[in-house]
């Protein structure tokens, strides 16, 4: 997840799509994604990258606390 900030375009989108499959397997996933800049991706101008990031966060919803949900909103 630490290489996420260095990726651009299709590589970033494919990286996020690959993470969707096993995202619930990791511990403290939201904190690592937040450190990697997932909140910045949500305001990115490219619609496809934003939609993949939203799908990733949607899959994480059951594991998020109320405070984390407020950070996203």
PDB file of N, CA and C in Angstrom:
ATOM      1  N   UNK A   1       0.808  -1.193   0.000  1.00  0.00           N
ATOM      2  CA  UNK A   1       0.000   0.000   0.000  1.00  0.00           C
ATOM      3  C   UNK A   1       0.851   1.257   0.000  1.00  0.00           C
ATOM      4  N   UNK A   2       2.108   1.110   0.363  1.00  0.00           N
ATOM      5  CA  UNK A   2       2.937   2.296   0.488  1.00  0.00           C
ATOM      6  C   UNK A   2       3.344   2.860  -0.864  1.00  0.00           C
ATOM      7  N   UNK A   3       3.255   2.078  -1.918  1.00  0.00           N
ATOM      8  CA  UNK A   3       3.603   2.562  -3.241  1.00  0.00           C
ATOM      9  C   UNK A   3       2.464   3.253  -3.953  1.00  0.00           C
ATOM     10  N   UNK A   4       1.331   3.382  -3.313  1.00  0.00           N
ATOM     11  CA  UNK A   4       0.141   3.948  -3.945  1.00  0.00           C
ATOM     12  C   UNK A   4       0.340   5.394  -4.367  1.00  0.00           C
ATOM     13  N   UNK A   5       1.059   6.175  -3.587  1.00  0.00           N
ATOM     14  CA  UNK A   5       1.257   7.591  -3.917  1.00  0.00           C
ATOM     15  C   UNK A   5       2.123   7.780  -5.154  1.00  0.00           C
ATOM     16  N   UNK A   6       2.949   6.796  -5.475  1.00  0.00           N
ATOM     17  CA  UNK A   6       3.863   6.920  -6.603  1.00  0.00           C
ATOM     18  C   UNK A   6       3.251   6.458  -7.921  1.00  0.00           C
ATOM     19  N   UNK A   7       2.105   5.825  -7.870  1.00  0.00           N
ATOM     20  CA  UNK A   7       1.481   5.297  -9.077  1.00  0.00           C
ATOM     21  C   UNK A   7       0.554   6.326  -9.706  1.00  0.00           C
ATOM     22  N   UNK A   8       0.425   6.245 -11.033  1.00  0.00           N
ATOM     23  CA  UNK A   8      -0.438   7.163 -11.764  1.00  0.00           C
ATOM     24  C   UNK A   8      -1.257   6.405 -12.797  1.00  0.00           C
ATOM     25  N   UNK A   9      -2.414   6.936 -13.109  1.00  0.00           N
ATOM     26  CA  UNK A   9      -3.236   6.434 -14.204  1.00  0.00           C
ATOM     27  C   UNK A   9      -3.717   5.015 -14.026  1.00  0.00           C
ATOM     28  N   UNK A  10      -3.538   4.229 -15.080  1.00  0.00           N
ATOM     29  CA  UNK A  10      -4.038   2.856 -15.091  1.00  0.00           C
ATOM     30  C   UNK A  10      -3.368   1.981 -14.038  1.00  0.00           C
ATOM     31  N   UNK A  11      -2.091   2.244 -13.751  1.00  0.00           N
ATOM     32  CA  UNK A  11      -1.406   1.443 -12.744  1.00  0.00           C
ATOM     33  C   UNK A  11      -2.043   1.626 -11.369  1.00  0.00           C
ATOM     34  N   UNK A  12      -2.405   2.851 -11.039  1.00  0.00           N
ATOM     35  CA  UNK A  12      -3.053   3.118  -9.753  1.00  0.00           C
ATOM     36  C   UNK A  12      -4.417   2.443  -9.700  1.00  0.00           C
ATOM     37  N   UNK A  13      -5.148   2.485 -10.803  1.00  0.00           N
ATOM     38  CA  UNK A  13      -6.467   1.872 -10.847  1.00  0.00           C
ATOM     39  C   UNK A  13      -6.357   0.355 -10.708  1.00  0.00           C
ATOM     40  N   UNK A  14      -5.411  -0.267 -11.397  1.00  0.00           N
ATOM     41  CA  UNK A  14      -5.238  -1.714 -11.305  1.00  0.00           C
ATOM     42  C   UNK A  14      -4.772  -2.135  -9.912  1.00  0.00           C
ATOM     43  N   UNK A  15      -3.942  -1.316  -9.296  1.00  0.00           N
ATOM     44  CA  UNK A  15      -3.478  -1.589  -7.941  1.00  0.00           C
ATOM     45  C   UNK A  15      -4.651  -1.596  -6.964  1.00  0.00           C
ATOM     46  N   UNK A  16      -5.514  -0.600  -7.077  1.00  0.00           N
ATOM     47  CA  UNK A  16      -6.686  -0.525  -6.199  1.00  0.00           C
ATOM     48  C   UNK A  16      -7.650  -1.676  -6.464  1.00  0.00           C
ATOM     49  N   UNK A  17      -7.838  -2.042  -7.729  1.00  0.00           N
ATOM     50  CA  UNK A  17      -8.727  -3.163  -8.054  1.00  0.00           C
ATOM     51  C   UNK A  17      -8.195  -4.467  -7.488  1.00  0.00           C
ATOM     52  N   UNK A  18      -6.890  -4.647  -7.499  1.00  0.00           N
ATOM     53  CA  UNK A  18      -6.302  -5.865  -6.940  1.00  0.00           C
ATOM     54  C   UNK A  18      -6.487  -5.915  -5.424  1.00  0.00           C
ATOM     55  N   UNK A  19      -6.504  -4.758  -4.790  1.00  0.00           N
ATOM     56  CA  UNK A  19      -6.689  -4.713  -3.339  1.00  0.00           C
ATOM     57  C   UNK A  19      -8.116  -5.031  -2.932  1.00  0.00           C
ATOM     58  N   UNK A  20      -9.080  -4.779  -3.799  1.00  0.00           N
ATOM     59  CA  UNK A  20     -10.488  -5.002  -3.464  1.00  0.00           C
ATOM     60  C   UNK A  20     -10.748  -6.461  -3.100  1.00  0.00           C
ATOM     61  N   UNK A  21     -10.088  -7.377  -3.784  1.00  0.00           N
ATOM     62  CA  UNK A  21     -10.356  -8.799  -3.581  1.00  0.00           C
ATOM     63  C   UNK A  21     -10.065  -9.251  -2.151  1.00  0.00           C
ATOM     64  N   UNK A  22      -8.997  -8.754  -1.551  1.00  0.00           N
ATOM     65  CA  UNK A  22      -8.591  -9.245  -0.231  1.00  0.00           C
ATOM     66  C   UNK A  22      -8.534  -8.157   0.828  1.00  0.00           C
ATOM     67  N   UNK A  23      -9.239  -7.083   0.636  1.00  0.00           N
ATOM     68  CA  UNK A  23      -9.119  -5.940   1.545  1.00  0.00           C
ATOM     69  C   UNK A  23      -9.602  -6.254   2.955  1.00  0.00           C
ATOM     70  N   UNK A  24     -10.546  -7.148   3.109  1.00  0.00           N
ATOM     71  CA  UNK A  24     -11.063  -7.455   4.445  1.00  0.00           C
ATOM     72  C   UNK A  24     -10.135  -8.386   5.229  1.00  0.00           C
ATOM     73  N   UNK A  25      -9.115  -8.922   4.591  1.00  0.00           N
ATOM     74  CA  UNK A  25      -8.185  -9.838   5.245  1.00  0.00           C
ATOM     75  C   UNK A  25      -7.155  -9.112   6.112  1.00  0.00           C
ATOM     76  N   UNK A  26      -6.904  -7.847   5.845  1.00  0.00           N
ATOM     77  CA  UNK A  26      -5.845  -7.106   6.524  1.00  0.00           C
ATOM     78  C   UNK A  26      -6.346  -6.486   7.826  1.00  0.00           C
ATOM     79  N   UNK A  27      -5.419  -6.306   8.760  1.00  0.00           N
ATOM     80  CA  UNK A  27      -5.729  -5.598  10.003  1.00  0.00           C
ATOM     81  C   UNK A  27      -5.415  -4.120   9.813  1.00  0.00           C
ATOM     82  N   UNK A  28      -6.174  -3.268  10.443  1.00  0.00           N
ATOM     83  CA  UNK A  28      -6.024  -1.804  10.381  1.00  0.00           C
ATOM     84  C   UNK A  28      -5.893  -1.307   8.946  1.00  0.00           C
ATOM     85  N   UNK A  29      -6.729  -1.830   8.097  1.00  0.00           N
ATOM     86  CA  UNK A  29      -6.673  -1.494   6.680  1.00  0.00           C
ATOM     87  C   UNK A  29      -6.979  -0.035   6.428  1.00  0.00           C
ATOM     88  N   UNK A  30      -7.977   0.492   7.101  1.00  0.00           N
ATOM     89  CA  UNK A  30      -8.362   1.875   6.847  1.00  0.00           C
ATOM     90  C   UNK A  30      -7.231   2.839   7.195  1.00  0.00           C
ATOM     91  N   UNK A  31      -6.547   2.582   8.297  1.00  0.00           N
ATOM     92  CA  UNK A  31      -5.450   3.464   8.693  1.00  0.00           C
ATOM     93  C   UNK A  31      -4.320   3.437   7.669  1.00  0.00           C
ATOM     94  N   UNK A  32      -4.032   2.262   7.131  1.00  0.00           N
ATOM     95  CA  UNK A  32      -2.991   2.159   6.112  1.00  0.00           C
ATOM     96  C   UNK A  32      -3.422   2.836   4.817  1.00  0.00           C
ATOM     97  N   UNK A  33      -4.682   2.678   4.442  1.00  0.00           N
ATOM     98  CA  UNK A  33      -5.180   3.345   3.239  1.00  0.00           C
ATOM     99  C   UNK A  33      -5.192   4.858   3.414  1.00  0.00           C
ATOM    100  N   UNK A  34      -5.536   5.305   4.598  1.00  0.00           N
ATOM    101  CA  UNK A  34      -5.548   6.743   4.865  1.00  0.00           C
ATOM    102  C   UNK A  34      -4.133   7.308   4.770  1.00  0.00           C
ATOM    103  N   UNK A  35      -3.160   6.588   5.305  1.00  0.00           N
ATOM    104  CA  UNK A  35      -1.767   7.021   5.217  1.00  0.00           C
ATOM    105  C   UNK A  35      -1.264   7.003   3.775  1.00  0.00           C
ATOM    106  N   UNK A  36      -1.821   6.104   2.963  1.00  0.00           N
ATOM    107  CA  UNK A  36      -1.420   6.011   1.559  1.00  0.00           C
ATOM    108  C   UNK A  36      -2.128   7.038   0.688  1.00  0.00           C
ATOM    109  N   UNK A  37      -3.084   7.778   1.253  1.00  0.00           N
ATOM    110  CA  UNK A  37      -3.727   8.851   0.507  1.00  0.00           C
ATOM    111  C   UNK A  37      -5.047   8.491  -0.144  1.00  0.00           C
ATOM    112  N   UNK A  38      -5.796   7.566   0.434  1.00  0.00           N
ATOM    113  CA  UNK A  38      -7.073   7.166  -0.169  1.00  0.00           C
ATOM    114  C   UNK A  38      -8.076   8.314  -0.175  1.00  0.00           C
ATOM    115  N   UNK A  39      -8.003   9.198   0.819  1.00  0.00           N
ATOM    116  CA  UNK A  39      -8.940  10.325   0.854  1.00  0.00           C
ATOM    117  C   UNK A  39      -8.636  11.324  -0.258  1.00  0.00           C
ATOM    118  N   UNK A  40      -7.370  11.437  -0.651  1.00  0.00           N
ATOM    119  CA  UNK A  40      -7.007  12.296  -1.782  1.00  0.00           C
ATOM    120  C   UNK A  40      -7.502  11.706  -3.099  1.00  0.00           C
ATOM    121  N   UNK A  41      -7.538  10.391  -3.176  1.00  0.00           N
ATOM    122  CA  UNK A  41      -8.014   9.730  -4.395  1.00  0.00           C
ATOM    123  C   UNK A  41      -9.508   9.984  -4.584  1.00  0.00           C
ATOM    124  N   UNK A  42     -10.240  10.108  -3.480  1.00  0.00           N
ATOM    125  CA  UNK A  42     -11.684  10.340  -3.578  1.00  0.00           C
ATOM    126  C   UNK A  42     -12.024  11.689  -4.198  1.00  0.00           C
ATOM    127  N   UNK A  43     -11.095  12.626  -4.198  1.00  0.00           N
ATOM    128  CA  UNK A  43     -11.337  13.926  -4.835  1.00  0.00           C
ATOM    129  C   UNK A  43     -10.542  14.066  -6.130  1.00  0.00           C
ATOM    130  N   UNK A  44     -10.030  12.954  -6.639  1.00  0.00           N
ATOM    131  CA  UNK A  44      -9.254  12.953  -7.881  1.00  0.00           C
ATOM    132  C   UNK A  44     -10.159  13.274  -9.061  1.00  0.00           C
ATOM    133  N   UNK A  45      -9.598  13.877 -10.092  1.00  0.00           N
ATOM    134  CA  UNK A  45     -10.416  14.269 -11.243  1.00  0.00           C
ATOM    135  C   UNK A  45     -10.787  13.102 -12.158  1.00  0.00           C
ATOM    136  N   UNK A  46     -10.041  11.998 -12.079  1.00  0.00           N
ATOM    137  CA  UNK A  46     -10.319  10.842 -12.933  1.00  0.00           C
ATOM    138  C   UNK A  46     -11.440  10.007 -12.311  1.00  0.00           C
ATOM    139  N   UNK A  47     -12.547   9.900 -13.030  1.00  0.00           N
ATOM    140  CA  UNK A  47     -13.725   9.204 -12.511  1.00  0.00           C
ATOM    141  C   UNK A  47     -13.446   7.730 -12.250  1.00  0.00           C
ATOM    142  N   UNK A  48     -12.677   7.066 -13.108  1.00  0.00           N
ATOM    143  CA  UNK A  48     -12.457   5.627 -12.948  1.00  0.00           C
ATOM    144  C   UNK A  48     -11.668   5.321 -11.679  1.00  0.00           C
ATOM    145  N   UNK A  49     -10.688   6.147 -11.355  1.00  0.00           N
ATOM    146  CA  UNK A  49      -9.914   5.928 -10.133  1.00  0.00           C
ATOM    147  C   UNK A  49     -10.782   6.192  -8.909  1.00  0.00           C
ATOM    148  N   UNK A  50     -11.605   7.233  -8.970  1.00  0.00           N
ATOM    149  CA  UNK A  50     -12.515   7.519  -7.853  1.00  0.00           C
ATOM    150  C   UNK A  50     -13.492   6.383  -7.632  1.00  0.00           C
ATOM    151  N   UNK A  51     -14.033   5.823  -8.716  1.00  0.00           N
ATOM    152  CA  UNK A  51     -15.020   4.754  -8.562  1.00  0.00           C
ATOM    153  C   UNK A  51     -14.394   3.497  -7.971  1.00  0.00           C
ATOM    154  N   UNK A  52     -13.161   3.194  -8.347  1.00  0.00           N
ATOM    155  CA  UNK A  52     -12.484   2.030  -7.773  1.00  0.00           C
ATOM    156  C   UNK A  52     -12.207   2.268  -6.290  1.00  0.00           C
ATOM    157  N   UNK A  53     -11.804   3.480  -5.931  1.00  0.00           N
ATOM    158  CA  UNK A  53     -11.566   3.799  -4.520  1.00  0.00           C
ATOM    159  C   UNK A  53     -12.862   3.710  -3.716  1.00  0.00           C
ATOM    160  N   UNK A  54     -13.961   4.138  -4.299  1.00  0.00           N
ATOM    161  CA  UNK A  54     -15.253   4.033  -3.613  1.00  0.00           C
ATOM    162  C   UNK A  54     -15.675   2.579  -3.428  1.00  0.00           C
ATOM    163  N   UNK A  55     -15.431   1.744  -4.431  1.00  0.00           N
ATOM    164  CA  UNK A  55     -15.742   0.312  -4.285  1.00  0.00           C
ATOM    165  C   UNK A  55     -14.894  -0.312  -3.187  1.00  0.00           C
ATOM    166  N   UNK A  56     -13.643   0.113  -3.100  1.00  0.00           N
ATOM    167  CA  UNK A  56     -12.747  -0.381  -2.064  1.00  0.00           C
ATOM    168  C   UNK A  56     -13.258   0.004  -0.679  1.00  0.00           C
ATOM    169  N   UNK A  57     -13.640   1.252  -0.514  1.00  0.00           N
ATOM    170  CA  UNK A  57     -14.172   1.700   0.775  1.00  0.00           C
ATOM    171  C   UNK A  57     -15.530   1.072   1.076  1.00  0.00           C
ATOM    172  N   UNK A  58     -16.322   0.825   0.051  1.00  0.00           N
ATOM    173  CA  UNK A  58     -17.621   0.175   0.245  1.00  0.00           C
ATOM    174  C   UNK A  58     -17.440  -1.226   0.818  1.00  0.00           C
ATOM    175  N   UNK A  59     -16.420  -1.919   0.352  1.00  0.00           N
ATOM    176  CA  UNK A  59     -16.164  -3.256   0.867  1.00  0.00           C
ATOM    177  C   UNK A  59     -15.650  -3.208   2.310  1.00  0.00           C
ATOM    178  N   UNK A  60     -15.044  -2.092   2.690  1.00  0.00           N
ATOM    179  CA  UNK A  60     -14.525  -1.931   4.043  1.00  0.00           C
ATOM    180  C   UNK A  60     -15.565  -1.451   5.049  1.00  0.00           C
ATOM    181  N   UNK A  61     -16.713  -1.003   4.605  1.00  0.00           N
ATOM    182  CA  UNK A  61     -17.709  -0.392   5.488  1.00  0.00           C
ATOM    183  C   UNK A  61     -18.022  -1.186   6.755  1.00  0.00           C
ATOM    184  N   UNK A  62     -18.198  -2.502   6.689  1.00  0.00           N
ATOM    185  CA  UNK A  62     -18.527  -3.228   7.929  1.00  0.00           C
ATOM    186  C   UNK A  62     -17.440  -3.152   9.002  1.00  0.00           C
ATOM    187  N   UNK A  63     -16.193  -2.893   8.614  1.00  0.00           N
ATOM    188  CA  UNK A  63     -15.096  -2.857   9.575  1.00  0.00           C
ATOM    189  C   UNK A  63     -14.801  -1.458  10.103  1.00  0.00           C
ATOM    190  N   UNK A  64     -15.423  -0.425   9.553  1.00  0.00           N
ATOM    191  CA  UNK A  64     -15.112   0.949   9.940  1.00  0.00           C
ATOM    192  C   UNK A  64     -15.866   1.362  11.198  1.00  0.00           C
ATOM    193  N   UNK A  65     -15.226   2.213  11.989  1.00  0.00           N
ATOM    194  CA  UNK A  65     -15.870   2.771  13.176  1.00  0.00           C
ATOM    195  C   UNK A  65     -16.629   4.036  12.776  1.00  0.00           C
ATOM    196  N   UNK A  66     -17.389   4.573  13.708  1.00  0.00           N
ATOM    197  CA  UNK A  66     -18.153   5.794  13.431  1.00  0.00           C
ATOM    198  C   UNK A  66     -17.228   6.963  13.112  1.00  0.00           C
ATOM    199  N   UNK A  67     -16.115   7.068  13.828  1.00  0.00           N
ATOM    200  CA  UNK A  67     -15.178   8.160  13.584  1.00  0.00           C
ATOM    201  C   UNK A  67     -14.582   8.074  12.184  1.00  0.00           C
ATOM    202  N   UNK A  68     -14.262   6.865  11.749  1.00  0.00           N
ATOM    203  CA  UNK A  68     -13.702   6.682  10.412  1.00  0.00           C
ATOM    204  C   UNK A  68     -14.728   7.009   9.339  1.00  0.00           C
ATOM    205  N   UNK A  69     -15.979   6.673   9.588  1.00  0.00           N
ATOM    206  CA  UNK A  69     -17.031   7.016   8.631  1.00  0.00           C
ATOM    207  C   UNK A  69     -17.204   8.525   8.513  1.00  0.00           C
ATOM    208  N   UNK A  70     -17.080   9.237   9.621  1.00  0.00           N
ATOM    209  CA  UNK A  70     -17.183  10.699   9.582  1.00  0.00           C
ATOM    210  C   UNK A  70     -16.017  11.316   8.821  1.00  0.00           C
ATOM    211  N   UNK A  71     -14.827  10.701   8.891  1.00  0.00           N
ATOM    212  CA  UNK A  71     -13.676  11.204   8.139  1.00  0.00           C
ATOM    213  C   UNK A  71     -13.917  11.101   6.641  1.00  0.00           C
ATOM    214  N   UNK A  72     -14.560  10.026   6.224  1.00  0.00           N
ATOM    215  CA  UNK A  72     -14.818   9.819   4.801  1.00  0.00           C
ATOM    216  C   UNK A  72     -15.882  10.782   4.306  1.00  0.00           C
ATOM    217  N   UNK A  73     -16.915  10.978   5.114  1.00  0.00           N
ATOM    218  CA  UNK A  73     -18.011  11.855   4.715  1.00  0.00           C
ATOM    219  C   UNK A  73     -17.557  13.269   4.811  1.00  0.00           C
TER     220      UNK A  73
END
